[in-house]
Structure formats: structure tokens, C-alpha cells
Amino acid sequence: EFRRVLFRSKTLHGWTTFRHRSKAINPGELRELIMRVNYKNTPENYRAMVEIIIPPLLDLLKSLTLLEEEIFERNRALDKEKEALGIPSNQLHPLWNELMDDYFQRQMQLLTGRVTQNYLEGGVRISYSSPSEYNYVKRNDFSVDFIMTKAEEARVITHYQEALEMKHQFVLRLVDGNWLLDEKFYGFEDEETWYGDLL
């Protein structure tokens, strides 16, 4: 596995068009997903919210995955070019910062309007790896817990397998009529502890 992680928080100056969009979840996929959902401690009257809250979240995660995979491949191409240019392996390619700026801008474009302002102000994690952070969503190889006990907040927990059994927790809040992601955590299946994380 290759992973490079940076933490950034800065003002946006313009946008870069996001060229890859994942397909929206079709009705068949939605029915299959709903059948797999574990409604942990969720009263019956909130269970229908699964159809409103989960598909946009999964669409966002798929879009982030496609972008991350593109950046990973573009960085790999830069690494190969470094060899041809005779740049030492411990030095960055002259275009690497430009690549990271592009990644930052396009990630921010995806997140704007889908996460709370409070979450955006915490900055974004610029990371790319193989497999990508949310590769399990693209593979449709995960299970879901849906927890909603009050009208303004829902928690979605995804369980997935990589080298270890892992889980992500996404906390969504109703803000001005829109469900926005407000917090994200990761954890290990054999632990009860959750660790704060950037999207």
C-alpha cells in the first residue's frame, strides 16, 4: 500500500471542474442496500430516512474515491517522470505541488454543500493511496448501521475489510432543511473507541 497524507486548510481561489462523477444509486441498488441496513436503536418512525440520507452520502464517497484514484495515478506518472529527469527519489517532482493544489480544490468542490461549514473549517485531508479510502463503497463490499434517535441527527456506520476489519462513522445533521456531514470517525472492529478523522 502507498499512502501520502497532508493536512491543509486554506482559502479557496477559484475552482477546477470535477470531471468524474459517480452514477447515482439506482432503485435496485437502493432496495438491496436497504435490505442490508442494520437499524441500531432506530425507532420505526425514523427508518424511512435511510432512503434520504444514505444514497447522497455513498455518492459523495464514490466521487471522492474516483478523484483519489485519479490523483494516485497522476502522482505515479510524476514519479516515473522523475526517474527520466534524473530527480533524486527523495525530492519532489516540480509539478507535485500543482497536483496537490488541484486535488485540494476539487475535493473542496465536492464537499461544498455536502458538509457543514464547521467541518470545512477544520480543513481537508489530502491523501491518496491504493486501495483508496472508500474503495469498499465502489466495490459494494460493506455493511451499514443506521442510527437515528432524534430528528436533527443521524449516524451512518460502515463496516469493511482491508488488512484489518475496520469501520467508519459519519455523523450527519439537518441544517436548513439539508442533511450535511458534520463529523467523521474511524475505528477498528475489535475496539469500541472511535478516532476523529478528516473526510
N, C-alpha and C. Protein backbone atom coordinates (compact mmCIF):
# COMPACT_ATOMS: atom_id res chain seq x y z
N GLU A 1 0.84 -1.18 0.00
CA GLU A 1 0.00 0.00 0.00
C GLU A 1 0.88 1.23 0.00
N PHE A 2 0.47 2.24 -0.75
CA PHE A 2 1.18 3.51 -0.78
C PHE A 2 0.24 4.58 -0.27
N ARG A 3 0.66 5.38 0.66
CA ARG A 3 -0.18 6.45 1.17
C ARG A 3 0.68 7.66 1.47
N ARG A 4 0.19 8.81 1.04
CA ARG A 4 0.85 10.06 1.38
C ARG A 4 -0.23 10.98 1.91
N VAL A 5 -0.07 11.51 3.10
CA VAL A 5 -1.11 12.30 3.74
C VAL A 5 -0.60 13.70 4.05
N LEU A 6 -1.39 14.69 3.71
CA LEU A 6 -1.09 16.07 4.06
C LEU A 6 -2.32 16.65 4.75
N PHE A 7 -2.14 17.65 5.58
CA PHE A 7 -3.26 18.34 6.17
C PHE A 7 -3.23 19.78 5.68
N ARG A 8 -4.37 20.24 5.13
CA ARG A 8 -4.39 21.59 4.60
C ARG A 8 -5.67 22.29 5.02
N SER A 9 -5.56 23.56 5.21
CA SER A 9 -6.73 24.39 5.43
C SER A 9 -6.37 25.76 4.89
N LYS A 10 -7.05 26.17 3.83
CA LYS A 10 -6.72 27.46 3.24
C LYS A 10 -7.93 28.02 2.53
N THR A 11 -7.84 29.29 2.13
CA THR A 11 -8.93 29.94 1.42
C THR A 11 -8.95 29.48 -0.03
N LEU A 12 -10.16 29.28 -0.57
CA LEU A 12 -10.26 28.88 -1.96
C LEU A 12 -10.07 30.08 -2.88
N HIS A 13 -9.36 29.87 -3.97
CA HIS A 13 -9.20 30.90 -5.00
C HIS A 13 -9.53 30.28 -6.34
N GLY A 14 -10.81 30.15 -6.62
CA GLY A 14 -11.21 29.57 -7.91
C GLY A 14 -11.49 28.09 -7.81
N TRP A 15 -12.04 27.53 -8.87
CA TRP A 15 -12.46 26.13 -8.90
C TRP A 15 -11.88 25.41 -10.09
N THR A 16 -11.71 24.12 -9.95
CA THR A 16 -11.33 23.26 -11.04
C THR A 16 -12.48 22.30 -11.29
N THR A 17 -12.89 22.14 -12.54
CA THR A 17 -14.02 21.28 -12.84
C THR A 17 -13.74 19.84 -12.46
N PHE A 18 -14.68 19.23 -11.79
CA PHE A 18 -14.55 17.81 -11.43
C PHE A 18 -15.05 17.00 -12.59
N ARG A 19 -14.18 16.23 -13.21
CA ARG A 19 -14.51 15.57 -14.47
C ARG A 19 -15.13 14.19 -14.29
N HIS A 20 -15.01 13.61 -13.10
CA HIS A 20 -15.53 12.25 -12.90
C HIS A 20 -16.65 12.29 -11.89
N ARG A 21 -17.82 11.84 -12.30
CA ARG A 21 -18.96 11.77 -11.39
C ARG A 21 -19.43 10.33 -11.31
N SER A 22 -19.68 9.86 -10.11
CA SER A 22 -20.21 8.52 -9.99
C SER A 22 -21.70 8.54 -10.32
N LYS A 23 -22.21 7.41 -10.79
CA LYS A 23 -23.62 7.31 -11.09
C LYS A 23 -24.41 7.30 -9.79
N ALA A 24 -25.59 7.93 -9.83
CA ALA A 24 -26.46 7.89 -8.66
C ALA A 24 -26.90 6.45 -8.43
N ILE A 25 -27.20 6.14 -7.20
CA ILE A 25 -27.65 4.78 -6.87
C ILE A 25 -29.00 4.53 -7.53
N ASN A 26 -29.10 3.44 -8.30
CA ASN A 26 -30.36 3.14 -8.97
C ASN A 26 -31.32 2.46 -7.99
N PRO A 27 -32.63 2.39 -8.34
CA PRO A 27 -33.62 1.83 -7.40
C PRO A 27 -33.29 0.41 -6.94
N GLY A 28 -32.76 -0.43 -7.84
CA GLY A 28 -32.42 -1.79 -7.47
C GLY A 28 -31.31 -1.83 -6.42
N GLU A 29 -30.28 -1.01 -6.62
CA GLU A 29 -29.18 -0.94 -5.65
C GLU A 29 -29.68 -0.41 -4.32
N LEU A 30 -30.61 0.57 -4.38
CA LEU A 30 -31.14 1.16 -3.16
C LEU A 30 -31.93 0.11 -2.37
N ARG A 31 -32.76 -0.69 -3.06
CA ARG A 31 -33.52 -1.73 -2.38
C ARG A 31 -32.59 -2.75 -1.72
N GLU A 32 -31.53 -3.12 -2.46
CA GLU A 32 -30.56 -4.08 -1.92
C GLU A 32 -29.86 -3.51 -0.69
N LEU A 33 -29.50 -2.22 -0.76
CA LEU A 33 -28.83 -1.58 0.35
C LEU A 33 -29.74 -1.53 1.58
N ILE A 34 -31.00 -1.14 1.37
CA ILE A 34 -31.93 -1.03 2.49
C ILE A 34 -32.13 -2.37 3.16
N MET A 35 -32.12 -3.44 2.38
CA MET A 35 -32.28 -4.78 2.96
C MET A 35 -31.09 -5.14 3.85
N ARG A 36 -29.91 -4.54 3.57
CA ARG A 36 -28.69 -4.86 4.33
C ARG A 36 -28.50 -3.96 5.55
N VAL A 37 -29.31 -2.91 5.67
CA VAL A 37 -29.10 -1.94 6.75
C VAL A 37 -29.51 -2.54 8.09
N ASN A 38 -28.65 -2.31 9.09
CA ASN A 38 -28.97 -2.68 10.46
C ASN A 38 -29.43 -1.41 11.18
N TYR A 39 -30.70 -1.37 11.57
CA TYR A 39 -31.27 -0.18 12.21
C TYR A 39 -31.01 -0.21 13.71
N LYS A 40 -29.79 0.10 14.09
CA LYS A 40 -29.41 0.01 15.50
C LYS A 40 -30.09 1.12 16.32
N ASN A 41 -30.93 0.72 17.26
CA ASN A 41 -31.58 1.66 18.18
C ASN A 41 -32.38 2.75 17.46
N THR A 42 -32.80 2.48 16.22
CA THR A 42 -33.54 3.49 15.45
C THR A 42 -35.03 3.18 15.51
N PRO A 43 -35.84 4.08 16.07
CA PRO A 43 -37.29 3.86 16.11
C PRO A 43 -37.88 3.72 14.70
N GLU A 44 -38.98 3.03 14.62
CA GLU A 44 -39.63 2.76 13.32
C GLU A 44 -39.91 4.03 12.54
N ASN A 45 -40.31 5.09 13.23
CA ASN A 45 -40.69 6.32 12.52
C ASN A 45 -39.53 7.03 11.85
N TYR A 46 -38.28 6.65 12.18
CA TYR A 46 -37.12 7.27 11.54
C TYR A 46 -36.50 6.38 10.46
N ARG A 47 -36.95 5.16 10.33
CA ARG A 47 -36.27 4.22 9.43
C ARG A 47 -36.39 4.60 7.96
N ALA A 48 -37.45 5.27 7.58
CA ALA A 48 -37.60 5.70 6.18
C ALA A 48 -36.55 6.73 5.78
N MET A 49 -35.90 7.37 6.76
CA MET A 49 -34.88 8.38 6.46
C MET A 49 -33.65 7.77 5.81
N VAL A 50 -33.51 6.45 5.89
CA VAL A 50 -32.39 5.78 5.22
C VAL A 50 -32.35 6.15 3.75
N GLU A 51 -33.51 6.18 3.10
CA GLU A 51 -33.57 6.45 1.65
C GLU A 51 -33.19 7.89 1.33
N ILE A 52 -33.31 8.78 2.29
CA ILE A 52 -32.97 10.19 2.08
C ILE A 52 -31.52 10.48 2.42
N ILE A 53 -31.01 9.83 3.46
CA ILE A 53 -29.69 10.17 3.99
C ILE A 53 -28.56 9.36 3.38
N ILE A 54 -28.74 8.05 3.24
CA ILE A 54 -27.60 7.21 2.83
C ILE A 54 -27.20 7.36 1.37
N PRO A 55 -28.11 7.38 0.38
CA PRO A 55 -27.65 7.47 -1.02
C PRO A 55 -26.77 8.68 -1.32
N PRO A 56 -27.11 9.92 -0.87
CA PRO A 56 -26.19 11.03 -1.14
C PRO A 56 -24.83 10.87 -0.48
N LEU A 57 -24.81 10.27 0.72
CA LEU A 57 -23.53 10.04 1.39
C LEU A 57 -22.67 9.08 0.59
N LEU A 58 -23.26 7.97 0.12
CA LEU A 58 -22.49 7.00 -0.66
C LEU A 58 -22.05 7.59 -1.99
N ASP A 59 -22.88 8.43 -2.59
CA ASP A 59 -22.50 9.10 -3.84
C ASP A 59 -21.27 9.98 -3.62
N LEU A 60 -21.25 10.70 -2.49
CA LEU A 60 -20.09 11.54 -2.16
C LEU A 60 -18.85 10.68 -1.97
N LEU A 61 -18.97 9.58 -1.25
CA LEU A 61 -17.82 8.71 -1.02
C LEU A 61 -17.30 8.10 -2.31
N LYS A 62 -18.21 7.73 -3.22
CA LYS A 62 -17.78 7.19 -4.53
C LYS A 62 -17.04 8.26 -5.33
N SER A 63 -17.56 9.49 -5.30
CA SER A 63 -16.91 10.58 -6.04
C SER A 63 -15.52 10.87 -5.48
N LEU A 64 -15.40 10.86 -4.15
CA LEU A 64 -14.08 11.06 -3.53
C LEU A 64 -13.13 9.93 -3.90
N THR A 65 -13.65 8.71 -4.02
CA THR A 65 -12.83 7.57 -4.40
C THR A 65 -12.29 7.71 -5.81
N LEU A 66 -13.16 8.09 -6.74
CA LEU A 66 -12.72 8.28 -8.13
C LEU A 66 -11.65 9.35 -8.23
N LEU A 67 -11.85 10.44 -7.50
CA LEU A 67 -10.86 11.52 -7.51
C LEU A 67 -9.54 11.04 -6.91
N GLU A 68 -9.60 10.35 -5.78
CA GLU A 68 -8.38 9.87 -5.14
C GLU A 68 -7.61 8.91 -6.05
N GLU A 69 -8.33 8.03 -6.73
CA GLU A 69 -7.67 7.09 -7.63
C GLU A 69 -7.01 7.81 -8.80
N GLU A 70 -7.65 8.86 -9.29
CA GLU A 70 -7.03 9.64 -10.38
C GLU A 70 -5.74 10.31 -9.90
N ILE A 71 -5.78 10.93 -8.72
CA ILE A 71 -4.61 11.61 -8.18
C ILE A 71 -3.48 10.61 -7.93
N PHE A 72 -3.82 9.44 -7.45
CA PHE A 72 -2.81 8.41 -7.22
C PHE A 72 -2.09 8.06 -8.51
N GLU A 73 -2.87 7.88 -9.60
CA GLU A 73 -2.27 7.53 -10.89
C GLU A 73 -1.44 8.68 -11.45
N ARG A 74 -1.92 9.90 -11.29
CA ARG A 74 -1.17 11.06 -11.78
C ARG A 74 0.15 11.21 -11.01
N ASN A 75 0.12 10.94 -9.69
CA ASN A 75 1.35 11.00 -8.91
C ASN A 75 2.31 9.91 -9.33
N ARG A 76 1.79 8.72 -9.62
CA ARG A 76 2.66 7.63 -10.06
C ARG A 76 3.35 8.01 -11.38
N ALA A 77 2.61 8.69 -12.26
CA ALA A 77 3.20 9.14 -13.52
C ALA A 77 4.31 10.16 -13.26
N LEU A 78 4.10 11.05 -12.27
CA LEU A 78 5.14 12.02 -11.92
C LEU A 78 6.38 11.32 -11.38
N ASP A 79 6.18 10.28 -10.58
CA ASP A 79 7.32 9.54 -10.03
C ASP A 79 8.15 8.88 -11.14
N LYS A 80 7.46 8.35 -12.15
CA LYS A 80 8.19 7.75 -13.28
C LYS A 80 8.94 8.82 -14.06
N GLU A 81 8.33 9.98 -14.18
CA GLU A 81 8.96 11.09 -14.91
C GLU A 81 10.20 11.58 -14.16
N LYS A 82 10.16 11.53 -12.83
CA LYS A 82 11.32 11.93 -12.02
C LYS A 82 12.54 11.12 -12.38
N GLU A 83 12.35 9.83 -12.57
CA GLU A 83 13.47 8.96 -12.94
C GLU A 83 14.06 9.39 -14.26
N ALA A 84 13.20 9.68 -15.24
CA ALA A 84 13.67 10.08 -16.57
C ALA A 84 14.40 11.43 -16.51
N LEU A 85 13.97 12.29 -15.59
CA LEU A 85 14.58 13.62 -15.47
C LEU A 85 15.81 13.61 -14.56
N GLY A 86 16.08 12.47 -13.92
CA GLY A 86 17.23 12.38 -13.03
C GLY A 86 17.02 13.06 -11.69
N ILE A 87 15.75 13.22 -11.27
CA ILE A 87 15.46 13.85 -9.98
C ILE A 87 15.59 12.78 -8.89
N PRO A 88 16.37 13.04 -7.86
CA PRO A 88 16.53 12.04 -6.78
C PRO A 88 15.19 11.63 -6.19
N SER A 89 15.10 10.39 -5.75
CA SER A 89 13.84 9.85 -5.25
C SER A 89 13.34 10.56 -4.00
N ASN A 90 14.27 11.17 -3.24
CA ASN A 90 13.86 11.86 -2.02
C ASN A 90 13.42 13.31 -2.26
N GLN A 91 13.39 13.73 -3.54
CA GLN A 91 12.94 15.08 -3.87
C GLN A 91 11.60 15.02 -4.60
N LEU A 92 10.82 16.08 -4.46
CA LEU A 92 9.52 16.15 -5.11
C LEU A 92 9.66 16.55 -6.58
N HIS A 93 8.74 16.06 -7.39
CA HIS A 93 8.65 16.50 -8.78
C HIS A 93 8.23 17.97 -8.77
N PRO A 94 8.77 18.78 -9.71
CA PRO A 94 8.40 20.21 -9.74
C PRO A 94 6.89 20.45 -9.86
N LEU A 95 6.15 19.48 -10.41
CA LEU A 95 4.71 19.65 -10.59
C LEU A 95 3.88 19.04 -9.46
N TRP A 96 4.55 18.50 -8.44
CA TRP A 96 3.80 17.82 -7.38
C TRP A 96 2.91 18.77 -6.58
N ASN A 97 3.43 19.97 -6.26
CA ASN A 97 2.61 20.94 -5.53
C ASN A 97 1.39 21.36 -6.33
N GLU A 98 1.56 21.47 -7.64
CA GLU A 98 0.44 21.81 -8.51
C GLU A 98 -0.62 20.70 -8.49
N LEU A 99 -0.16 19.47 -8.48
CA LEU A 99 -1.07 18.33 -8.40
C LEU A 99 -1.85 18.37 -7.08
N MET A 100 -1.17 18.67 -5.97
CA MET A 100 -1.83 18.73 -4.68
C MET A 100 -2.82 19.89 -4.60
N ASP A 101 -2.48 21.02 -5.24
CA ASP A 101 -3.42 22.14 -5.28
C ASP A 101 -4.69 21.76 -6.05
N ASP A 102 -4.52 21.06 -7.15
CA ASP A 102 -5.65 20.60 -7.95
C ASP A 102 -6.53 19.66 -7.12
N TYR A 103 -5.87 18.74 -6.42
CA TYR A 103 -6.59 17.78 -5.58
C TYR A 103 -7.38 18.50 -4.49
N PHE A 104 -6.75 19.47 -3.84
CA PHE A 104 -7.41 20.25 -2.79
C PHE A 104 -8.64 20.97 -3.32
N GLN A 105 -8.47 21.67 -4.43
CA GLN A 105 -9.58 22.44 -4.99
C GLN A 105 -10.74 21.53 -5.38
N ARG A 106 -10.45 20.41 -6.00
CA ARG A 106 -11.51 19.53 -6.46
C ARG A 106 -12.19 18.80 -5.30
N GLN A 107 -11.43 18.50 -4.25
CA GLN A 107 -12.04 17.93 -3.06
C GLN A 107 -12.98 18.94 -2.42
N MET A 108 -12.54 20.18 -2.31
CA MET A 108 -13.38 21.22 -1.72
C MET A 108 -14.65 21.42 -2.53
N GLN A 109 -14.54 21.32 -3.85
CA GLN A 109 -15.71 21.47 -4.70
C GLN A 109 -16.73 20.36 -4.41
N LEU A 110 -16.23 19.15 -4.22
CA LEU A 110 -17.12 18.03 -3.91
C LEU A 110 -17.78 18.20 -2.54
N LEU A 111 -17.05 18.72 -1.58
CA LEU A 111 -17.55 18.81 -0.20
C LEU A 111 -18.48 19.99 0.02
N THR A 112 -18.28 21.07 -0.72
CA THR A 112 -19.11 22.26 -0.52
C THR A 112 -20.58 21.94 -0.80
N GLY A 113 -21.42 22.27 0.16
CA GLY A 113 -22.84 21.99 0.05
C GLY A 113 -23.23 20.61 0.54
N ARG A 114 -22.22 19.79 0.89
CA ARG A 114 -22.50 18.44 1.39
C ARG A 114 -22.02 18.24 2.82
N VAL A 115 -21.19 19.16 3.29
CA VAL A 115 -20.71 19.10 4.67
C VAL A 115 -20.98 20.44 5.33
N THR A 116 -20.99 20.47 6.66
CA THR A 116 -21.24 21.71 7.37
C THR A 116 -20.05 22.66 7.23
N GLN A 117 -20.32 23.95 7.42
CA GLN A 117 -19.25 24.94 7.38
C GLN A 117 -18.23 24.65 8.47
N ASN A 118 -18.70 24.21 9.61
CA ASN A 118 -17.81 23.86 10.71
C ASN A 118 -16.84 22.76 10.30
N TYR A 119 -17.33 21.79 9.55
CA TYR A 119 -16.48 20.70 9.10
C TYR A 119 -15.44 21.20 8.09
N LEU A 120 -15.89 22.05 7.16
CA LEU A 120 -14.97 22.60 6.16
C LEU A 120 -13.86 23.41 6.82
N GLU A 121 -14.19 24.15 7.87
CA GLU A 121 -13.19 24.99 8.52
C GLU A 121 -12.10 24.17 9.20
N GLY A 122 -12.37 22.89 9.43
CA GLY A 122 -11.35 22.02 10.01
C GLY A 122 -10.29 21.60 9.01
N GLY A 123 -10.48 21.94 7.74
CA GLY A 123 -9.53 21.57 6.70
C GLY A 123 -9.86 20.22 6.10
N VAL A 124 -9.17 19.87 5.05
CA VAL A 124 -9.36 18.58 4.40
C VAL A 124 -8.06 17.80 4.41
N ARG A 125 -8.19 16.51 4.47
CA ARG A 125 -7.01 15.65 4.40
C ARG A 125 -6.76 15.35 2.94
N ILE A 126 -5.60 15.74 2.47
CA ILE A 126 -5.22 15.44 1.10
C ILE A 126 -4.42 14.14 1.14
N SER A 127 -5.08 13.03 0.86
CA SER A 127 -4.39 11.75 0.88
C SER A 127 -4.74 10.97 -0.37
N TYR A 128 -3.83 10.12 -0.80
CA TYR A 128 -4.12 9.23 -1.92
C TYR A 128 -3.39 7.93 -1.67
N SER A 129 -4.08 6.85 -1.93
CA SER A 129 -3.49 5.55 -1.63
C SER A 129 -4.09 4.50 -2.54
N SER A 130 -3.54 3.33 -2.48
CA SER A 130 -4.08 2.18 -3.19
C SER A 130 -4.11 1.02 -2.21
N PRO A 131 -5.29 0.55 -1.80
CA PRO A 131 -6.62 0.99 -2.25
C PRO A 131 -7.00 2.34 -1.67
N SER A 132 -7.97 2.98 -2.29
CA SER A 132 -8.41 4.30 -1.86
C SER A 132 -9.21 4.20 -0.56
N GLU A 133 -9.39 5.34 0.09
CA GLU A 133 -10.02 5.39 1.41
C GLU A 133 -11.40 4.74 1.45
N TYR A 134 -12.21 4.99 0.41
CA TYR A 134 -13.58 4.47 0.39
C TYR A 134 -13.77 3.46 -0.74
N ASN A 135 -12.72 2.73 -1.04
CA ASN A 135 -12.77 1.73 -2.10
C ASN A 135 -13.88 0.70 -1.85
N TYR A 136 -14.16 0.44 -0.60
CA TYR A 136 -15.18 -0.55 -0.27
C TYR A 136 -16.57 -0.16 -0.77
N VAL A 137 -16.83 1.17 -0.86
CA VAL A 137 -18.13 1.63 -1.38
C VAL A 137 -18.21 1.35 -2.88
N LYS A 138 -17.13 1.63 -3.57
CA LYS A 138 -17.09 1.37 -5.01
C LYS A 138 -17.25 -0.13 -5.30
N ARG A 139 -16.67 -0.98 -4.44
CA ARG A 139 -16.77 -2.43 -4.61
C ARG A 139 -18.11 -2.98 -4.11
N ASN A 140 -18.86 -2.14 -3.41
CA ASN A 140 -20.11 -2.54 -2.79
C ASN A 140 -19.89 -3.71 -1.84
N ASP A 141 -18.81 -3.61 -1.08
CA ASP A 141 -18.41 -4.70 -0.18
C ASP A 141 -18.33 -4.16 1.25
N PHE A 142 -19.49 -3.93 1.85
CA PHE A 142 -19.55 -3.36 3.19
C PHE A 142 -20.95 -3.57 3.76
N SER A 143 -21.07 -3.38 5.06
CA SER A 143 -22.39 -3.40 5.70
C SER A 143 -22.62 -2.05 6.36
N VAL A 144 -23.87 -1.75 6.70
CA VAL A 144 -24.23 -0.42 7.18
C VAL A 144 -25.09 -0.51 8.44
N ASP A 145 -24.75 0.30 9.43
CA ASP A 145 -25.62 0.53 10.57
C ASP A 145 -26.20 1.94 10.42
N PHE A 146 -27.49 2.07 10.67
CA PHE A 146 -28.15 3.39 10.64
C PHE A 146 -28.71 3.67 12.02
N ILE A 147 -28.26 4.77 12.61
CA ILE A 147 -28.68 5.12 13.96
C ILE A 147 -29.29 6.52 13.93
N MET A 148 -30.58 6.60 14.26
CA MET A 148 -31.26 7.90 14.30
C MET A 148 -32.25 7.86 15.45
N THR A 149 -31.98 8.68 16.45
CA THR A 149 -32.87 8.71 17.61
C THR A 149 -33.49 10.08 17.83
N LYS A 150 -33.07 11.06 17.01
CA LYS A 150 -33.69 12.39 17.07
C LYS A 150 -33.75 12.97 15.67
N ALA A 151 -34.65 13.92 15.47
CA ALA A 151 -35.00 14.38 14.12
C ALA A 151 -33.87 15.12 13.40
N GLU A 152 -32.92 15.67 14.14
CA GLU A 152 -31.90 16.52 13.50
C GLU A 152 -30.55 15.85 13.34
N GLU A 153 -30.42 14.58 13.70
CA GLU A 153 -29.10 13.93 13.64
C GLU A 153 -29.23 12.46 13.26
N ALA A 154 -28.32 12.01 12.42
CA ALA A 154 -28.26 10.59 12.05
C ALA A 154 -26.80 10.17 12.00
N ARG A 155 -26.58 8.90 12.33
CA ARG A 155 -25.23 8.33 12.26
C ARG A 155 -25.26 7.14 11.32
N VAL A 156 -24.29 7.12 10.41
CA VAL A 156 -24.14 6.01 9.46
C VAL A 156 -22.79 5.37 9.73
N ILE A 157 -22.79 4.09 10.03
CA ILE A 157 -21.54 3.37 10.29
C ILE A 157 -21.35 2.32 9.21
N THR A 158 -20.23 2.39 8.52
CA THR A 158 -19.90 1.39 7.50
C THR A 158 -18.85 0.44 8.06
N HIS A 159 -19.05 -0.84 7.83
CA HIS A 159 -18.11 -1.88 8.26
C HIS A 159 -17.48 -2.50 7.02
N TYR A 160 -16.17 -2.59 6.99
CA TYR A 160 -15.49 -3.09 5.79
C TYR A 160 -14.20 -3.80 6.18
N GLN A 161 -13.68 -4.55 5.23
CA GLN A 161 -12.47 -5.34 5.47
C GLN A 161 -11.35 -4.87 4.55
N GLU A 162 -10.20 -4.57 5.15
CA GLU A 162 -8.98 -4.36 4.36
C GLU A 162 -7.95 -5.30 4.96
N ALA A 163 -6.79 -4.80 5.35
CA ALA A 163 -5.84 -5.67 6.06
C ALA A 163 -6.44 -6.08 7.40
N LEU A 164 -7.23 -5.16 7.98
CA LEU A 164 -7.93 -5.42 9.23
C LEU A 164 -9.41 -5.14 9.03
N GLU A 165 -10.24 -5.61 9.95
CA GLU A 165 -11.65 -5.25 9.92
C GLU A 165 -11.79 -3.84 10.49
N MET A 166 -12.36 -2.94 9.69
CA MET A 166 -12.41 -1.52 10.03
C MET A 166 -13.85 -1.02 9.98
N LYS A 167 -14.04 0.22 10.44
CA LYS A 167 -15.34 0.86 10.34
C LYS A 167 -15.17 2.37 10.28
N HIS A 168 -16.10 3.03 9.60
CA HIS A 168 -16.18 4.49 9.55
C HIS A 168 -17.51 4.90 10.16
N GLN A 169 -17.52 6.00 10.86
CA GLN A 169 -18.77 6.57 11.36
C GLN A 169 -18.93 7.98 10.80
N PHE A 170 -20.07 8.24 10.18
CA PHE A 170 -20.39 9.55 9.61
C PHE A 170 -21.57 10.13 10.38
N VAL A 171 -21.40 11.33 10.92
CA VAL A 171 -22.46 12.00 11.66
C VAL A 171 -23.04 13.09 10.77
N LEU A 172 -24.32 12.98 10.48
CA LEU A 172 -24.99 13.95 9.62
C LEU A 172 -26.00 14.73 10.44
N ARG A 173 -26.10 16.03 10.13
CA ARG A 173 -27.05 16.89 10.85
C ARG A 173 -27.93 17.62 9.85
N LEU A 174 -29.17 17.85 10.25
CA LEU A 174 -30.12 18.58 9.43
C LEU A 174 -29.89 20.07 9.62
N VAL A 175 -29.43 20.75 8.55
CA VAL A 175 -29.12 22.17 8.60
C VAL A 175 -29.91 22.88 7.49
N ASP A 176 -30.81 23.75 7.89
CA ASP A 176 -31.64 24.49 6.93
C ASP A 176 -32.30 23.57 5.90
N GLY A 177 -32.80 22.45 6.38
CA GLY A 177 -33.52 21.53 5.50
C GLY A 177 -32.65 20.57 4.71
N ASN A 178 -31.34 20.62 4.90
CA ASN A 178 -30.42 19.75 4.17
C ASN A 178 -29.63 18.88 5.15
N TRP A 179 -29.44 17.61 4.78
CA TRP A 179 -28.62 16.71 5.59
C TRP A 179 -27.16 16.88 5.19
N LEU A 180 -26.35 17.38 6.12
CA LEU A 180 -24.94 17.66 5.86
C LEU A 180 -24.06 16.84 6.79
N LEU A 181 -22.94 16.41 6.25
CA LEU A 181 -21.96 15.68 7.06
C LEU A 181 -21.28 16.65 8.00
N ASP A 182 -21.25 16.31 9.30
CA ASP A 182 -20.68 17.22 10.29
C ASP A 182 -19.46 16.64 11.00
N GLU A 183 -19.38 15.31 11.08
CA GLU A 183 -18.23 14.67 11.73
C GLU A 183 -17.97 13.33 11.07
N LYS A 184 -16.69 12.91 11.11
CA LYS A 184 -16.32 11.58 10.63
C LYS A 184 -15.32 10.97 11.59
N PHE A 185 -15.47 9.67 11.83
CA PHE A 185 -14.57 8.94 12.70
C PHE A 185 -14.18 7.62 12.03
N TYR A 186 -13.08 7.05 12.48
CA TYR A 186 -12.75 5.70 12.05
C TYR A 186 -12.48 4.86 13.30
N GLY A 187 -12.57 3.55 13.14
CA GLY A 187 -12.32 2.66 14.27
C GLY A 187 -12.00 1.27 13.79
N PHE A 188 -11.59 0.43 14.72
CA PHE A 188 -11.29 -0.97 14.46
C PHE A 188 -12.44 -1.82 15.00
N GLU A 189 -12.80 -2.85 14.28
CA GLU A 189 -13.97 -3.65 14.67
C GLU A 189 -13.83 -4.26 16.06
N ASP A 190 -12.62 -4.57 16.47
CA ASP A 190 -12.46 -5.20 17.78
C ASP A 190 -12.28 -4.18 18.91
N GLU A 191 -12.52 -2.89 18.59
CA GLU A 191 -12.43 -1.84 19.61
C GLU A 191 -13.74 -1.05 19.65
N GLU A 192 -14.05 -0.48 20.79
CA GLU A 192 -15.21 0.41 20.90
C GLU A 192 -14.82 1.87 20.70
N THR A 193 -13.53 2.15 20.73
CA THR A 193 -13.05 3.53 20.59
C THR A 193 -13.20 4.04 19.18
N TRP A 194 -13.64 5.30 19.05
CA TRP A 194 -13.69 5.98 17.76
C TRP A 194 -12.64 7.08 17.74
N TYR A 195 -12.00 7.28 16.58
CA TYR A 195 -10.95 8.28 16.41
C TYR A 195 -11.41 9.33 15.40
N GLY A 196 -11.32 10.61 15.79
CA GLY A 196 -11.72 11.69 14.89
C GLY A 196 -10.88 11.66 13.62
N ASP A 197 -11.51 11.97 12.49
CA ASP A 197 -10.83 11.87 11.19
C ASP A 197 -11.37 12.91 10.25
N LEU A 198 -10.56 13.27 9.26
CA LEU A 198 -11.00 14.15 8.18
C LEU A 198 -11.49 13.30 7.02
N LEU A 199 -12.41 13.87 6.25
CA LEU A 199 -13.01 13.12 5.16
C LEU A 199 -12.01 12.90 4.03
